[in-house]
């Protein structure tokens, strides 16, 4: 799924950096690398998407996060973190990103 989403975003002209784990993504952000936004799944080993969103806010305040999930109820999401529920279309993904980035 990660590769498909990355390919869709690249086809739309986005620069995409893919990490194979939540911890790898957080380490990249904490190293000082800056991004326009972070797209993360909710259910992952080691760190949940909610934990990733909290870490992003701690190291990179103001960097928007889009949380995707296949779960109907995911509990308490951080305030202001939009959720896109699977399955979603490419158009729904692009619309969510455009809204987050103010485009």
Protein backbone atom coordinates (compact mmCIF):
# COMPACT_ATOMS: atom_id res chain seq x y z
CA UNK A 1 0.00 0.00 0.00
CA UNK A 2 2.88 2.34 0.87
CA UNK A 3 4.39 1.97 -2.62
CA UNK A 4 1.04 2.55 -4.34
CA UNK A 5 0.35 5.72 -2.36
CA UNK A 6 3.89 6.99 -2.97
CA UNK A 7 3.53 6.36 -6.72
CA UNK A 8 0.18 8.17 -6.79
CA UNK A 9 1.63 11.18 -5.00
CA UNK A 10 4.71 11.29 -7.20
CA UNK A 11 2.49 11.12 -10.29
CA UNK A 12 0.74 14.25 -8.99
CA UNK A 13 4.06 16.06 -8.70
CA UNK A 14 4.76 15.61 -4.99
CA UNK A 15 8.25 14.84 -3.76
CA UNK A 16 7.89 11.73 -1.59
CA UNK A 17 10.27 10.27 0.97
CA UNK A 18 9.24 6.77 2.03
CA UNK A 19 10.34 5.16 5.28
CA UNK A 20 9.78 1.49 6.00
CA UNK A 21 9.01 2.07 9.67
CA UNK A 22 7.46 4.67 11.92
CA UNK A 23 10.63 4.84 13.97
CA UNK A 24 12.68 5.51 10.82
CA UNK A 25 10.34 8.32 9.84
CA UNK A 26 10.46 9.90 13.29
CA UNK A 27 14.26 9.62 13.40
CA UNK A 28 14.46 11.38 10.02
CA UNK A 29 12.25 14.21 11.27
CA UNK A 30 14.09 14.47 14.57
CA UNK A 31 17.39 14.74 12.66
CA UNK A 32 16.24 18.11 11.36
CA UNK A 33 14.92 17.08 7.94
CA UNK A 34 11.88 19.22 7.11
CA UNK A 35 8.79 18.22 5.15
CA UNK A 36 5.59 19.94 4.06
CA UNK A 37 3.52 17.19 5.67
CA UNK A 38 3.64 13.66 7.05
CA UNK A 39 1.34 10.86 5.93
CA UNK A 40 1.18 7.93 8.33
CA UNK A 41 -0.88 4.84 8.90
CA UNK A 42 -2.60 4.34 12.22
CA UNK A 43 -1.78 0.67 12.85
CA UNK A 44 1.95 0.00 12.75
CA UNK A 45 4.39 -1.98 14.85
CA UNK A 46 6.32 -0.15 17.58
CA UNK A 47 4.69 3.31 17.15
CA UNK A 48 1.07 3.99 16.25
CA UNK A 49 0.14 6.76 13.87
CA UNK A 50 -1.12 8.74 16.85
CA UNK A 51 2.28 8.40 18.50
CA UNK A 52 3.96 9.46 15.25
CA UNK A 53 1.72 12.55 15.09
CA UNK A 54 2.66 13.46 18.66
CA UNK A 55 6.37 13.04 17.91
CA UNK A 56 6.03 15.15 14.75
CA UNK A 57 4.38 17.92 16.75
CA UNK A 58 7.13 17.73 19.38
CA UNK A 59 10.04 17.96 16.93
CA UNK A 60 8.47 19.87 14.05
CA UNK A 61 5.65 22.06 15.38
CA UNK A 62 3.21 23.05 12.69
CA UNK A 63 4.09 20.22 10.32
CA UNK A 64 0.73 18.77 9.30
CA UNK A 65 0.04 15.06 9.65
CA UNK A 66 -2.54 13.03 7.72
CA UNK A 67 -3.49 9.82 9.49
CA UNK A 68 -4.87 6.98 7.39
CA UNK A 69 -6.68 4.02 8.90
CA UNK A 70 -8.78 1.00 8.12
CA UNK A 71 -10.36 1.09 11.57
CA UNK A 72 -13.79 2.64 12.03
CA UNK A 73 -12.91 3.96 15.49
CA UNK A 74 -9.31 4.72 16.32
CA UNK A 75 -9.73 6.43 19.65
CA UNK A 76 -8.34 9.78 20.61
CA UNK A 77 -6.58 11.44 17.72
CA UNK A 78 -4.57 14.55 18.42
CA UNK A 79 -6.50 17.77 17.89
CA UNK A 80 -6.22 18.99 14.32
CA UNK A 81 -4.95 15.70 12.86
CA UNK A 82 -7.22 14.77 9.97
CA UNK A 83 -8.09 11.11 9.40
CA UNK A 84 -8.63 9.47 6.01
CA UNK A 85 -10.41 6.13 6.28
CA UNK A 86 -9.46 3.18 4.08
CA UNK A 87 -10.44 2.29 1.51
CA UNK A 88 -10.05 5.65 -0.18
CA UNK A 89 -9.69 6.73 -3.76
CA UNK A 90 -6.75 8.61 -5.25
CA UNK A 91 -9.04 11.63 -5.58
CA UNK A 92 -9.93 11.49 -1.88
CA UNK A 93 -6.25 11.27 -0.96
CA UNK A 94 -5.34 14.21 -3.18
CA UNK A 95 -8.25 16.28 -1.84
CA UNK A 96 -7.19 15.59 1.77
CA UNK A 97 -3.60 16.61 1.00
CA UNK A 98 -4.71 19.72 -0.87
CA UNK A 99 -6.86 20.76 2.08
CA UNK A 100 -4.02 20.17 4.55
CA UNK A 101 -1.55 22.13 2.45
CA UNK A 102 -4.07 24.89 1.78
CA UNK A 103 -4.18 24.37 -1.97
